Structure formats: structure tokens, C-alpha cells
Amino acid sequence: MVTRQRGGQRRGQGTVEMALGLLLFVTVFIFGIHFAEVGYLSLKVQEAATSALWDTTSARMHSLPGNFSGLHNAIGAAGGHATERYKDFDGRTSRQGRQQMVQVFTSADKLEVTCAEEGAISFKASNSTNSIYANVGGMRCSSSAEMSPIRIPRNFVDQGSGAIFDVAHAALKPIPVCGMGRAKKGKCEGAYGILLDDWGLAGHAESQECVLLDTPGCANTAYYDSAKIVYDAHNGVDGSSVNLAQEVVGKAPINPARFWMSFQGMGDFKDKEPGGDNDPNDWVTTPGANSPTEEYDSSYNGRGDCFLGASCN
């Protein structure tokens, strides 16, 4: 009899301990899931801001020489595009009209991405090229959202005569979440930045060729005009070369101040001279196949079809 009573007491004690432990376990379990969801959705808020930056790098930034309206337009549109794409917190499967993500114990909405030009991020052009390339290229993007606990009871054994806890179970208020840093007075001040545009030739018009000599024969006027601006800024002629030519041969065969340019692509490594010094011969303008330099010729002939010269498997 004594043994049974003690065993019964032990079993009853275990039940009481389990019940008390479950009161804590259930709360910890619920909020563990909630905070895990907040962490996951916070990464989506960050992803929305960074996606706006990387997506902008694929836009057309300029038309040479000196037209950077494309860059300004791309930055101005980046925030709105990212907000629309990530309004359901999933940049892959945005649905028309959906602006809220609902999970087990967390709902998230009001995601917004804001982008603007950032003057602190720039790459200054030289004095001779500042009329070709604008000292603009930096942008910054920030993002914010609100997350709220759902399906979590406000009160749990904290009221009435049988109350165990001294405080309410949960205060169900929205939590401001930022893509970078923490919110200050409800606002997100942190942002990600990137430098845009490499000032290289871009698009079909700026990839055309130039035959030797003048603008009328050059299909790539953007490249021609840009090169001439730099040439004129560095190659002022004071007449001494003309005077020297007159002393030696009686006259200057060409105007030494004249701008000459030839740009040939991969299709043809030789350029025919339509004038100038009236040399009837062709001459190599770009190292490549049949180049008089052996290293250029062997490198050209050794090219493969794989990306960046990688080994083809």
C-alpha cells in the first residue's frame, strides 16, 4: 500500500511538472516559429533592395558623347519596379494585386523599395573627357516593410484568479523591418549603393566600324566624336610641324592638325585608304589572323568557342 501511494504521488507530480513545463514550451515554440518567419521575410526585404541595384546595371546608361539620360531614367524607375516585383515578398512569382505575405504566425506587407542617385559614389572623368562622360554613376536603394504577429493569443494564463504569468502573452504590434540596419523612429535610413556604367561602347550604333579618315565614312559616329573630343583637347598644333615639312620637302603632304581615325572589328583586319597620303596599300589595323606579329597570329588561331577561353568539355 505504501509503495502504491508513493508511486501514485510520483506519477501525479510528473503530470503537474509536465503541465507547468508545457506552459513555457508552447510560448517558446510559438514565438520561435514567429521569429524564424521574421528572419526569413527580413532577408526578402533586403533582397528587394539589392535586386533593384543589380537589375539597373542591365539598363542602357548612355549615348556617347555626353548623353546620360538613360542612367537617370534607370535609377528613377528602379525603386518602383522592385516594389512591384517584390510586393508579395517573392521576386519570382509576383501576383497581380497581392501585397501581403501570410505565414503561420507572421504576416508581412507594405514592402517598398526606394532608389535615388548617390553623389558620394562616383568616378570622375578627366578634364579632357568631362564633356563625354558625366560624373554621375552612383545610386542607392533602401527598402522597408511591416511584419505583424498573427494567430498568437494576446493573453495566456495571465488573467483571473488562476493566473500564473504577470504580463500579457503578446503585444501584437507591427514591427518595422529595414533592408539595411534598423528602423529609427519608424524610418529606414540604411541603404545599399553601387557604381553604374563602365563608360564603354554600348548598343548596336556604338559597335559599328569606322573606315579610315572622315566622319562621312564612319558608321560609329559616337565613337568617332568621342575620340575627336579627346584628340582636340590634347593635340593642339602650333604650326611648327607644318613649317618643318615645308623646310624639308617644300610642302606639308597632309594637315598635321587633322583628325584621322580608323576602327575595324573582327570581320576585317585590313583597312583601305580612300585618300590621305594616297598610299594604295592595305595595312593591318587590328592584331589578329595573318598579323605580322607571330604572337597575335597564333593567339587568334588558337581561340576556342567556349566562354572566356575556358576549356571546352
C-alpha atoms as a PDB file:
ATOM      1  CA  MET A   1       0.000   0.000   0.000  1.00  0.00           C
ATOM      2  CA  VAL A   2       2.738   2.417   0.920  1.00  0.00           C
ATOM      3  CA  THR A   3       4.582   1.656  -2.267  1.00  0.00           C
ATOM      4  CA  ARG A   4       1.495   2.335  -4.367  1.00  0.00           C
ATOM      5  CA  GLN A   5       0.859   5.652  -2.716  1.00  0.00           C
ATOM      6  CA  ARG A   6       4.401   6.740  -3.323  1.00  0.00           C
ATOM      7  CA  GLY A   7       4.192   5.607  -6.941  1.00  0.00           C
ATOM      8  CA  GLY A   8       0.924   7.438  -7.396  1.00  0.00           C
ATOM      9  CA  GLN A   9       2.425  10.541  -5.887  1.00  0.00           C
ATOM     10  CA  ARG A  10       5.346  10.313  -8.240  1.00  0.00           C
ATOM     11  CA  ARG A  11       3.078   9.927 -11.268  1.00  0.00           C
ATOM     12  CA  GLY A  12       0.961  12.847 -10.191  1.00  0.00           C
ATOM     13  CA  GLN A  13       3.990  15.002  -9.642  1.00  0.00           C
ATOM     14  CA  GLY A  14       5.269  14.253 -13.133  1.00  0.00           C
ATOM     15  CA  THR A  15       1.940  15.257 -14.638  1.00  0.00           C
ATOM     16  CA  VAL A  16       1.976  18.562 -12.797  1.00  0.00           C
ATOM     17  CA  GLU A  17       5.560  19.232 -13.854  1.00  0.00           C
ATOM     18  CA  MET A  18       4.744  18.415 -17.465  1.00  0.00           C
ATOM     19  CA  ALA A  19       1.719  20.731 -17.413  1.00  0.00           C
ATOM     20  CA  LEU A  20       3.770  23.585 -15.986  1.00  0.00           C
ATOM     21  CA  GLY A  21       6.569  22.913 -18.475  1.00  0.00           C
ATOM     22  CA  LEU A  22       4.134  22.936 -21.392  1.00  0.00           C
ATOM     23  CA  LEU A  23       3.009  26.427 -20.429  1.00  0.00           C
ATOM     24  CA  LEU A  24       6.518  27.656 -21.176  1.00  0.00           C
ATOM     25  CA  PHE A  25       7.202  25.276 -24.042  1.00  0.00           C
ATOM     26  CA  VAL A  26       4.126  26.319 -26.025  1.00  0.00           C
ATOM     27  CA  THR A  27       5.044  30.005 -25.707  1.00  0.00           C
ATOM     28  CA  VAL A  28       8.662  29.390 -26.690  1.00  0.00           C
ATOM     29  CA  PHE A  29       7.592  27.173 -29.591  1.00  0.00           C
ATOM     30  CA  ILE A  30       5.103  29.719 -30.986  1.00  0.00           C
ATOM     31  CA  PHE A  31       7.481  32.645 -30.755  1.00  0.00           C
ATOM     32  CA  GLY A  32      10.347  30.550 -32.114  1.00  0.00           C
ATOM     33  CA  ILE A  33       8.366  29.970 -35.288  1.00  0.00           C
ATOM     34  CA  HIS A  34       7.318  33.636 -35.397  1.00  0.00           C
ATOM     35  CA  PHE A  35      10.884  34.951 -35.113  1.00  0.00           C
ATOM     36  CA  ALA A  36      12.117  32.440 -37.695  1.00  0.00           C
ATOM     37  CA  GLU A  37       9.487  33.752 -40.118  1.00  0.00           C
ATOM     38  CA  VAL A  38      10.505  37.331 -39.344  1.00  0.00           C
ATOM     39  CA  GLY A  39      14.122  36.418 -40.113  1.00  0.00           C
ATOM     40  CA  TYR A  40      13.209  34.778 -43.410  1.00  0.00           C
ATOM     41  CA  LEU A  41      10.984  37.657 -44.541  1.00  0.00           C
ATOM     42  CA  SER A  42      13.626  40.202 -43.481  1.00  0.00           C
ATOM     43  CA  LEU A  43      16.000  38.620 -45.990  1.00  0.00           C
ATOM     44  CA  LYS A  44      13.362  39.166 -48.665  1.00  0.00           C
ATOM     45  CA  VAL A  45      13.214  42.855 -47.749  1.00  0.00           C
ATOM     46  CA  GLN A  46      16.991  43.021 -48.162  1.00  0.00           C
ATOM     47  CA  GLU A  47      16.804  41.070 -51.416  1.00  0.00           C
ATOM     48  CA  ALA A  48      14.294  43.543 -52.835  1.00  0.00           C
ATOM     49  CA  ALA A  49      16.708  46.460 -52.334  1.00  0.00           C
ATOM     50  CA  THR A  50      19.739  44.686 -53.777  1.00  0.00           C
ATOM     51  CA  SER A  51      17.758  43.357 -56.735  1.00  0.00           C
ATOM     52  CA  ALA A  52      16.920  46.929 -57.711  1.00  0.00           C
ATOM     53  CA  LEU A  53      20.636  47.709 -57.853  1.00  0.00           C
ATOM     54  CA  TRP A  54      21.673  44.690 -59.899  1.00  0.00           C
ATOM     55  CA  ASP A  55      18.716  44.937 -62.274  1.00  0.00           C
ATOM     56  CA  THR A  56      19.622  48.561 -63.001  1.00  0.00           C
ATOM     57  CA  THR A  57      23.092  47.539 -64.179  1.00  0.00           C
ATOM     58  CA  SER A  58      21.489  45.870 -67.207  1.00  0.00           C
ATOM     59  CA  ALA A  59      19.909  49.122 -68.434  1.00  0.00           C
ATOM     60  CA  ARG A  60      21.276  51.336 -71.194  1.00  0.00           C
ATOM     61  CA  MET A  61      23.163  54.089 -69.381  1.00  0.00           C
ATOM     62  CA  HIS A  62      24.384  56.470 -72.039  1.00  0.00           C
ATOM     63  CA  SER A  63      24.651  57.516 -75.642  1.00  0.00           C
ATOM     64  CA  LEU A  64      28.092  58.912 -76.384  1.00  0.00           C
ATOM     65  CA  PRO A  65      29.212  61.571 -76.328  1.00  0.00           C
ATOM     66  CA  GLY A  66      27.729  63.094 -73.190  1.00  0.00           C
ATOM     67  CA  ASN A  67      24.120  61.859 -73.116  1.00  0.00           C
ATOM     68  CA  PHE A  68      23.461  60.128 -69.784  1.00  0.00           C
ATOM     69  CA  SER A  69      19.692  60.458 -69.710  1.00  0.00           C
ATOM     70  CA  GLY A  70      19.395  56.661 -69.758  1.00  0.00           C
ATOM     71  CA  LEU A  71      21.246  56.403 -66.446  1.00  0.00           C
ATOM     72  CA  HIS A  72      18.982  58.958 -64.748  1.00  0.00           C
ATOM     73  CA  ASN A  73      15.857  57.274 -66.101  1.00  0.00           C
ATOM     74  CA  ALA A  74      17.038  53.825 -65.000  1.00  0.00           C
ATOM     75  CA  ILE A  75      17.687  54.997 -61.439  1.00  0.00           C
ATOM     76  CA  GLY A  76      14.352  56.799 -61.291  1.00  0.00           C
ATOM     77  CA  ALA A  77      12.428  53.688 -62.321  1.00  0.00           C
ATOM     78  CA  ALA A  78      14.364  51.118 -60.255  1.00  0.00           C
ATOM     79  CA  GLY A  79      12.525  51.559 -56.955  1.00  0.00           C
ATOM     80  CA  GLY A  80       9.050  51.283 -58.450  1.00  0.00           C
ATOM     81  CA  HIS A  81       9.926  48.197 -60.460  1.00  0.00           C
ATOM     82  CA  ALA A  82      11.423  46.397 -57.447  1.00  0.00           C
ATOM     83  CA  THR A  83       8.454  47.336 -55.252  1.00  0.00           C
ATOM     84  CA  GLU A  84       6.020  45.913 -57.782  1.00  0.00           C
ATOM     85  CA  ARG A  85       8.037  42.729 -58.238  1.00  0.00           C
ATOM     86  CA  TYR A  86       8.504  42.085 -54.513  1.00  0.00           C
ATOM     87  CA  LYS A  87       5.170  43.290 -53.154  1.00  0.00           C
ATOM     88  CA  ASP A  88       4.303  39.679 -52.291  1.00  0.00           C
ATOM     89  CA  PHE A  89       7.849  39.152 -50.906  1.00  0.00           C
ATOM     90  CA  ASP A  90       8.741  36.800 -53.750  1.00  0.00           C
ATOM     91  CA  GLY A  91      10.517  38.308 -56.739  1.00  0.00           C
ATOM     92  CA  ARG A  92       9.913  35.179 -58.831  1.00  0.00           C
ATOM     93  CA  THR A  93       6.122  34.844 -58.653  1.00  0.00           C
ATOM     94  CA  SER A  94       4.567  38.255 -58.021  1.00  0.00           C
ATOM     95  CA  ARG A  95       0.815  38.119 -58.423  1.00  0.00           C
ATOM     96  CA  GLN A  96      -1.421  40.916 -59.591  1.00  0.00           C
ATOM     97  CA  GLY A  97      -2.979  42.728 -56.643  1.00  0.00           C
ATOM     98  CA  ARG A  98      -1.313  40.636 -53.950  1.00  0.00           C
ATOM     99  CA  GLN A  99       0.537  42.796 -51.416  1.00  0.00           C
ATOM    100  CA  GLN A 100       0.739  40.617 -48.320  1.00  0.00           C
ATOM    101  CA  MET A 101       2.625  37.512 -47.299  1.00  0.00           C
ATOM    102  CA  VAL A 102       0.868  35.387 -44.657  1.00  0.00           C
ATOM    103  CA  GLN A 103       2.705  32.586 -42.895  1.00  0.00           C
ATOM    104  CA  VAL A 104       1.940  30.547 -39.776  1.00  0.00           C
ATOM    105  CA  PHE A 105       2.365  33.208 -37.105  1.00  0.00           C
ATOM    106  CA  THR A 106       3.516  36.212 -39.182  1.00  0.00           C
ATOM    107  CA  SER A 107       2.058  38.476 -41.825  1.00  0.00           C
ATOM    108  CA  ALA A 108       4.153  40.917 -43.858  1.00  0.00           C
ATOM    109  CA  ASP A 109       3.068  43.780 -46.072  1.00  0.00           C
ATOM    110  CA  LYS A 110       3.817  47.379 -47.128  1.00  0.00           C
ATOM    111  CA  LEU A 111       7.111  46.427 -48.761  1.00  0.00           C
ATOM    112  CA  GLU A 112       8.597  49.451 -50.505  1.00  0.00           C
ATOM    113  CA  VAL A 113      11.896  49.979 -52.315  1.00  0.00           C
ATOM    114  CA  THR A 114      13.240  53.498 -52.791  1.00  0.00           C
ATOM    115  CA  CYS A 115      16.179  54.309 -55.088  1.00  0.00           C
ATOM    116  CA  ALA A 116      17.954  57.588 -55.796  1.00  0.00           C
ATOM    117  CA  GLU A 117      21.169  58.940 -57.270  1.00  0.00           C
ATOM    118  CA  GLU A 118      24.096  58.966 -54.858  1.00  0.00           C
ATOM    119  CA  GLY A 119      26.734  61.610 -55.463  1.00  0.00           C
ATOM    120  CA  ALA A 120      29.111  60.113 -52.921  1.00  0.00           C
ATOM    121  CA  ILE A 121      29.580  57.142 -55.266  1.00  0.00           C
ATOM    122  CA  SER A 122      31.179  58.390 -58.467  1.00  0.00           C
ATOM    123  CA  PHE A 123      34.134  58.084 -60.800  1.00  0.00           C
ATOM    124  CA  LYS A 124      35.301  61.459 -62.006  1.00  0.00           C
ATOM    125  CA  ALA A 125      36.295  61.858 -65.613  1.00  0.00           C
ATOM    126  CA  SER A 126      39.497  63.624 -66.600  1.00  0.00           C
ATOM    127  CA  ASN A 127      39.342  67.238 -67.696  1.00  0.00           C
ATOM    128  CA  SER A 128      39.672  66.271 -71.346  1.00  0.00           C
ATOM    129  CA  THR A 129      36.779  63.821 -71.209  1.00  0.00           C
ATOM    130  CA  ASN A 130      34.320  65.555 -68.871  1.00  0.00           C
ATOM    131  CA  SER A 131      32.215  66.632 -71.852  1.00  0.00           C
ATOM    132  CA  ILE A 132      31.959  62.994 -72.951  1.00  0.00           C
ATOM    133  CA  TYR A 133      31.430  61.224 -69.646  1.00  0.00           C
ATOM    134  CA  ALA A 134      29.232  62.584 -66.877  1.00  0.00           C
ATOM    135  CA  ASN A 135      30.436  62.417 -63.287  1.00  0.00           C
ATOM    136  CA  VAL A 136      27.279  60.513 -62.376  1.00  0.00           C
ATOM    137  CA  GLY A 137      27.053  56.822 -61.784  1.00  0.00           C
ATOM    138  CA  GLY A 138      26.225  56.153 -58.162  1.00  0.00           C
ATOM    139  CA  MET A 139      22.838  55.032 -56.893  1.00  0.00           C
ATOM    140  CA  ARG A 140      21.474  53.920 -53.537  1.00  0.00           C
ATOM    141  CA  CYS A 141      18.465  51.770 -52.696  1.00  0.00           C
ATOM    142  CA  SER A 142      16.710  51.200 -49.386  1.00  0.00           C
ATOM    143  CA  SER A 143      13.754  49.001 -48.545  1.00  0.00           C
ATOM    144  CA  SER A 144      11.244  48.684 -45.729  1.00  0.00           C
ATOM    145  CA  ALA A 145       8.246  46.588 -44.725  1.00  0.00           C
ATOM    146  CA  GLU A 146       5.957  45.862 -41.793  1.00  0.00           C
ATOM    147  CA  MET A 147       5.607  42.490 -40.111  1.00  0.00           C
ATOM    148  CA  SER A 148       2.899  41.609 -37.624  1.00  0.00           C
ATOM    149  CA  PRO A 149       2.318  38.566 -35.400  1.00  0.00           C
ATOM    150  CA  ILE A 150      -0.918  36.715 -36.197  1.00  0.00           C
ATOM    151  CA  ARG A 151      -2.784  33.797 -34.624  1.00  0.00           C
ATOM    152  CA  ILE A 152      -0.904  34.397 -31.364  1.00  0.00           C
ATOM    153  CA  PRO A 153      -3.247  34.917 -28.369  1.00  0.00           C
ATOM    154  CA  ARG A 154      -2.784  38.185 -26.534  1.00  0.00           C
ATOM    155  CA  ASN A 155      -3.415  36.521 -23.179  1.00  0.00           C
ATOM    156  CA  PHE A 156      -2.305  33.138 -21.888  1.00  0.00           C
ATOM    157  CA  VAL A 157      -2.812  32.248 -18.215  1.00  0.00           C
ATOM    158  CA  ASP A 158      -2.072  35.827 -17.185  1.00  0.00           C
ATOM    159  CA  GLN A 159      -5.525  36.950 -16.022  1.00  0.00           C
ATOM    160  CA  GLY A 160      -8.048  35.947 -13.363  1.00  0.00           C
ATOM    161  CA  SER A 161      -7.630  34.101 -10.082  1.00  0.00           C
ATOM    162  CA  GLY A 162      -5.672  31.245 -11.654  1.00  0.00           C
ATOM    163  CA  ALA A 163      -3.164  33.471 -13.437  1.00  0.00           C
ATOM    164  CA  ILE A 164       0.404  32.224 -13.485  1.00  0.00           C
ATOM    165  CA  PHE A 165       2.180  34.886 -15.574  1.00  0.00           C
ATOM    166  CA  ASP A 166       2.446  38.541 -14.584  1.00  0.00           C
ATOM    167  CA  VAL A 167       2.422  40.089 -18.105  1.00  0.00           C
ATOM    168  CA  ALA A 168       0.364  39.679 -21.246  1.00  0.00           C
ATOM    169  CA  HIS A 169       1.313  36.900 -23.612  1.00  0.00           C
ATOM    170  CA  ALA A 170       1.934  39.142 -26.608  1.00  0.00           C
ATOM    171  CA  ALA A 171       1.661  42.754 -27.750  1.00  0.00           C
ATOM    172  CA  LEU A 172       0.503  42.379 -31.356  1.00  0.00           C
ATOM    173  CA  LYS A 173       2.026  45.499 -32.884  1.00  0.00           C
ATOM    174  CA  PRO A 174       3.562  45.793 -36.359  1.00  0.00           C
ATOM    175  CA  ILE A 175       7.342  45.506 -36.483  1.00  0.00           C
ATOM    176  CA  PRO A 176       9.137  47.857 -38.935  1.00  0.00           C
ATOM    177  CA  VAL A 177      11.811  45.962 -40.847  1.00  0.00           C
ATOM    178  CA  CYS A 178      14.575  47.517 -42.974  1.00  0.00           C
ATOM    179  CA  GLY A 179      16.637  46.009 -45.759  1.00  0.00           C
ATOM    180  CA  MET A 180      19.739  47.611 -44.201  1.00  0.00           C
ATOM    181  CA  GLY A 181      20.113  48.316 -40.491  1.00  0.00           C
ATOM    182  CA  ARG A 182      17.328  49.055 -38.053  1.00  0.00           C
ATOM    183  CA  ALA A 183      14.466  51.475 -38.226  1.00  0.00           C
ATOM    184  CA  LYS A 184      14.881  54.788 -36.398  1.00  0.00           C
ATOM    185  CA  LYS A 185      11.605  56.318 -35.303  1.00  0.00           C
ATOM    186  CA  GLY A 186       9.864  54.033 -37.756  1.00  0.00           C
ATOM    187  CA  LYS A 187      12.020  55.015 -40.752  1.00  0.00           C
ATOM    188  CA  CYS A 188      14.736  53.098 -42.559  1.00  0.00           C
ATOM    189  CA  GLU A 189      17.839  55.168 -43.194  1.00  0.00           C
ATOM    190  CA  GLY A 190      20.327  52.498 -44.249  1.00  0.00           C
ATOM    191  CA  ALA A 191      20.829  51.773 -47.953  1.00  0.00           C
ATOM    192  CA  TYR A 192      22.955  49.798 -50.401  1.00  0.00           C
ATOM    193  CA  GLY A 193      24.974  51.566 -53.071  1.00  0.00           C
ATOM    194  CA  ILE A 194      26.555  50.722 -56.400  1.00  0.00           C
ATOM    195  CA  LEU A 195      28.546  52.498 -59.116  1.00  0.00           C
ATOM    196  CA  LEU A 196      26.851  52.268 -62.506  1.00  0.00           C
ATOM    197  CA  ASP A 197      28.113  52.412 -66.088  1.00  0.00           C
ATOM    198  CA  ASP A 198      31.573  51.498 -67.327  1.00  0.00           C
ATOM    199  CA  TRP A 199      31.562  54.266 -69.971  1.00  0.00           C
ATOM    200  CA  GLY A 200      32.230  51.647 -72.636  1.00  0.00           C
ATOM    201  CA  LEU A 201      30.657  51.489 -76.067  1.00  0.00           C
ATOM    202  CA  ALA A 202      27.117  50.165 -75.785  1.00  0.00           C
ATOM    203  CA  GLY A 203      24.420  49.115 -78.220  1.00  0.00           C
ATOM    204  CA  HIS A 204      24.376  48.471 -81.951  1.00  0.00           C
ATOM    205  CA  ALA A 205      25.145  52.045 -83.032  1.00  0.00           C
ATOM    206  CA  GLU A 206      28.302  52.202 -80.904  1.00  0.00           C
ATOM    207  CA  SER A 207      29.600  48.840 -82.141  1.00  0.00           C
ATOM    208  CA  GLN A 208      29.883  49.776 -85.815  1.00  0.00           C
ATOM    209  CA  GLU A 209      33.153  50.244 -87.687  1.00  0.00           C
ATOM    210  CA  CYS A 210      34.957  53.307 -88.992  1.00  0.00           C
ATOM    211  CA  VAL A 211      36.798  53.317 -92.297  1.00  0.00           C
ATOM    212  CA  LEU A 212      39.879  55.485 -92.461  1.00  0.00           C
ATOM    213  CA  LEU A 213      39.642  59.278 -92.467  1.00  0.00           C
ATOM    214  CA  ASP A 214      36.471  61.283 -92.079  1.00  0.00           C
ATOM    215  CA  THR A 215      33.102  61.241 -90.344  1.00  0.00           C
ATOM    216  CA  PRO A 216      31.105  60.620 -93.567  1.00  0.00           C
ATOM    217  CA  GLY A 217      32.788  57.232 -93.858  1.00  0.00           C
ATOM    218  CA  CYS A 218      32.337  56.298 -90.210  1.00  0.00           C
ATOM    219  CA  ALA A 219      29.265  54.327 -89.160  1.00  0.00           C
ATOM    220  CA  ASN A 220      30.196  54.649 -85.488  1.00  0.00           C
ATOM    221  CA  THR A 221      29.773  58.395 -85.048  1.00  0.00           C
ATOM    222  CA  ALA A 222      29.520  58.089 -81.249  1.00  0.00           C
ATOM    223  CA  TYR A 223      32.998  56.582 -81.030  1.00  0.00           C
ATOM    224  CA  TYR A 224      34.384  58.948 -83.658  1.00  0.00           C
ATOM    225  CA  ASP A 225      33.020  62.092 -81.994  1.00  0.00           C
ATOM    226  CA  SER A 226      34.159  60.978 -78.532  1.00  0.00           C
ATOM    227  CA  ALA A 227      37.690  60.223 -79.732  1.00  0.00           C
ATOM    228  CA  LYS A 228      37.880  63.551 -81.578  1.00  0.00           C
ATOM    229  CA  ILE A 229      36.912  65.488 -78.443  1.00  0.00           C
ATOM    230  CA  VAL A 230      39.805  63.916 -76.550  1.00  0.00           C
ATOM    231  CA  TYR A 231      42.144  64.407 -79.517  1.00  0.00           C
ATOM    232  CA  ASP A 232      41.297  68.099 -79.811  1.00  0.00           C
ATOM    233  CA  ALA A 233      41.833  68.589 -76.074  1.00  0.00           C
ATOM    234  CA  HIS A 234      45.368  67.144 -76.188  1.00  0.00           C
ATOM    235  CA  ASN A 235      46.720  67.788 -79.663  1.00  0.00           C
ATOM    236  CA  GLY A 236      46.764  71.477 -80.378  1.00  0.00           C
ATOM    237  CA  VAL A 237      49.067  72.235 -83.349  1.00  0.00           C
ATOM    238  CA  ASP A 238      51.111  75.446 -83.271  1.00  0.00           C
ATOM    239  CA  GLY A 239      52.293  75.259 -86.892  1.00  0.00           C
ATOM    240  CA  SER A 240      55.829  74.074 -86.184  1.00  0.00           C
ATOM    241  CA  SER A 241      55.275  70.691 -87.850  1.00  0.00           C
ATOM    242  CA  VAL A 242      53.950  72.396 -90.981  1.00  0.00           C
ATOM    243  CA  ASN A 243      56.953  74.730 -91.070  1.00  0.00           C
ATOM    244  CA  LEU A 244      59.318  71.776 -90.667  1.00  0.00           C
ATOM    245  CA  ALA A 245      57.690  69.913 -93.550  1.00  0.00           C
ATOM    246  CA  GLN A 246      57.941  72.972 -95.784  1.00  0.00           C
ATOM    247  CA  GLU A 247      61.620  73.336 -94.999  1.00  0.00           C
ATOM    248  CA  VAL A 248      62.333  69.656 -95.754  1.00  0.00           C
ATOM    249  CA  VAL A 249      60.093  68.787 -98.705  1.00  0.00           C
ATOM    250  CA  GLY A 250      58.711  72.148 -99.728  1.00  0.00           C
ATOM    251  CA  LYS A 251      55.170  71.490 -98.524  1.00  0.00           C
ATOM    252  CA  ALA A 252      53.278  69.503 -95.919  1.00  0.00           C
ATOM    253  CA  PRO A 253      51.754  66.367 -97.538  1.00  0.00           C
ATOM    254  CA  ILE A 254      48.833  66.428 -95.097  1.00  0.00           C
ATOM    255  CA  ASN A 255      47.452  68.769 -92.496  1.00  0.00           C
ATOM    256  CA  PRO A 256      49.104  67.607 -89.242  1.00  0.00           C
ATOM    257  CA  ALA A 257      46.219  69.001 -87.198  1.00  0.00           C
ATOM    258  CA  ARG A 258      43.641  66.897 -88.997  1.00  0.00           C
ATOM    259  CA  PHE A 259      41.922  64.138 -87.023  1.00  0.00           C
ATOM    260  CA  TRP A 260      42.179  60.708 -88.608  1.00  0.00           C
ATOM    261  CA  MET A 261      40.561  57.625 -87.177  1.00  0.00           C
ATOM    262  CA  SER A 262      40.083  54.011 -88.172  1.00  0.00           C
ATOM    263  CA  PHE A 263      38.234  51.374 -86.183  1.00  0.00           C
ATOM    264  CA  GLN A 264      37.831  47.885 -87.612  1.00  0.00           C
ATOM    265  CA  GLY A 265      36.026  44.981 -85.981  1.00  0.00           C
ATOM    266  CA  MET A 266      36.649  41.251 -86.111  1.00  0.00           C
ATOM    267  CA  GLY A 267      35.364  40.913 -89.642  1.00  0.00           C
ATOM    268  CA  ASP A 268      38.256  42.589 -91.430  1.00  0.00           C
ATOM    269  CA  PHE A 269      41.758  43.262 -90.158  1.00  0.00           C
ATOM    270  CA  LYS A 270      42.780  45.416 -93.096  1.00  0.00           C
ATOM    271  CA  ASP A 271      41.747  48.954 -93.954  1.00  0.00           C
ATOM    272  CA  LYS A 272      41.815  50.502 -97.415  1.00  0.00           C
ATOM    273  CA  GLU A 273      42.864  54.126 -97.513  1.00  0.00           C
ATOM    274  CA  PRO A 274      40.432  56.213 -99.592  1.00  0.00           C
ATOM    275  CA  GLY A 275      42.685  59.253 -99.549  1.00  0.00           C
ATOM    276  CA  GLY A 276      45.090  60.998 -97.241  1.00  0.00           C
ATOM    277  CA  ASP A 277      48.617  60.153 -98.288  1.00  0.00           C
ATOM    278  CA  ASN A 278      47.319  58.235-101.350  1.00  0.00           C
ATOM    279  CA  ASP A 279      49.064  55.029-100.300  1.00  0.00           C
ATOM    280  CA  PRO A 280      47.372  52.276-102.360  1.00  0.00           C
ATOM    281  CA  ASN A 281      48.406  49.509 -99.989  1.00  0.00           C
ATOM    282  CA  ASP A 282      46.271  47.895 -97.322  1.00  0.00           C
ATOM    283  CA  TRP A 283      47.568  47.945 -93.764  1.00  0.00           C
ATOM    284  CA  VAL A 284      46.742  45.952 -90.663  1.00  0.00           C
ATOM    285  CA  THR A 285      44.618  47.937 -88.209  1.00  0.00           C
ATOM    286  CA  THR A 286      43.894  45.294 -85.565  1.00  0.00           C
ATOM    287  CA  PRO A 287      46.159  42.420 -84.435  1.00  0.00           C
ATOM    288  CA  GLY A 288      44.611  39.128 -85.465  1.00  0.00           C
ATOM    289  CA  ALA A 289      44.839  36.442 -88.125  1.00  0.00           C
ATOM    290  CA  ASN A 290      47.775  36.848 -90.513  1.00  0.00           C
ATOM    291  CA  SER A 291      49.217  39.550 -88.287  1.00  0.00           C
ATOM    292  CA  PRO A 292      52.909  40.236 -88.909  1.00  0.00           C
ATOM    293  CA  THR A 293      53.387  39.746 -85.172  1.00  0.00           C
ATOM    294  CA  GLU A 294      53.612  35.995 -84.635  1.00  0.00           C
ATOM    295  CA  GLU A 295      52.146  36.087 -81.127  1.00  0.00           C
ATOM    296  CA  TYR A 296      48.980  37.838 -82.323  1.00  0.00           C
ATOM    297  CA  ASP A 297      48.523  35.432 -85.195  1.00  0.00           C
ATOM    298  CA  SER A 298      48.991  32.288 -83.064  1.00  0.00           C
ATOM    299  CA  SER A 299      46.678  33.611 -80.316  1.00  0.00           C
ATOM    300  CA  TYR A 300      43.942  34.379 -82.821  1.00  0.00           C
ATOM    301  CA  ASN A 301      44.169  30.961 -84.455  1.00  0.00           C
ATOM    302  CA  GLY A 302      44.173  29.253 -81.054  1.00  0.00           C
ATOM    303  CA  ARG A 303      40.830  30.674 -79.988  1.00  0.00           C
ATOM    304  CA  GLY A 304      38.005  28.337 -78.997  1.00  0.00           C
ATOM    305  CA  ASP A 305      34.254  28.708 -78.925  1.00  0.00           C
ATOM    306  CA  CYS A 306      33.882  28.466 -75.146  1.00  0.00           C
ATOM    307  CA  PHE A 307      33.213  31.354 -72.790  1.00  0.00           C
ATOM    308  CA  LEU A 308      36.279  33.466 -71.887  1.00  0.00           C
ATOM    309  CA  GLY A 309      38.588  30.886 -73.410  1.00  0.00           C
ATOM    310  CA  ALA A 310      37.571  28.227 -70.910  1.00  0.00           C
ATOM    311  CA  SER A 311      38.309  24.632 -71.765  1.00  0.00           C
ATOM    312  CA  CYS A 312      35.505  23.007 -73.776  1.00  0.00           C
ATOM    313  CA  ASN A 313      34.334  19.786 -72.127  1.00  0.00           C
END
